[in-house]
Amino acid sequence: MNLRSAIGYALLILAAIGSYFVVYEPEPDSPPAVDNALISGGYYMLGAEVRGFGVDGNYLYALNAREIAEDREGSIVRLGDVELLYRDDVDIPWRLSATSGELASDGSRLELIGDVVARNLAGDVPTSLTTTSLTVNPQRYELSTDARVTLRVGERSISATGMLAFLNEDRIEFRSNVSGKFLP
């Protein structure tokens, strides 16, 4: 073998190695763990925001969730680690959050389930409402539940079984077994 052939073979080997790196695609990072119970056949997204619109067609609220999945029939959207926040200029300063939720496909009803917390972001006194489940009509600014609910306003608290709240009126109606704690 002469020097010219050796250089030719070396260049050929270098070209082969170089072409490997040009066409080589590394394996993608493994996707995050997925809750298979949440996936049911429609679409599935991680870390998504759904925007709700009012009857006038304007953006009204944002619904953020770690996981969003539509059922096969398209009638229910299941949500994991969900948060609802109204647009700033709507003057509904409440942030609602829960472990999971179900949104009707037309956006008319949102069921929040597990560790439900509603916090009023306005005012000087911290105000929160906690329960295990809550039905939200986001376009009418209404919340309702038949479960036990606790409203805390600063150091004061009221607990009841069942509630209806009108966020746009700053009004809450407790249904039964109402008890409260008011410190001077």
Foldseek 3Di string as FASTA:
>chain_A
DDPVVVVVVVVVVVVVVVVCVVPDDDDDDDDDDDDVVQEAAADKDAFDKDFDAAPVRHTWKIKTARMWYAHPVRQKIKGAFIKIQTDPVVPLQKIWTARIWIAGNNRQKIKGAHFIKIWRPDDDWTKMKTWGIWIARRNQQKIKDQTWMWIDTHPKIKIAGIKMDRRVVRDIDGDGPIDMDDDD
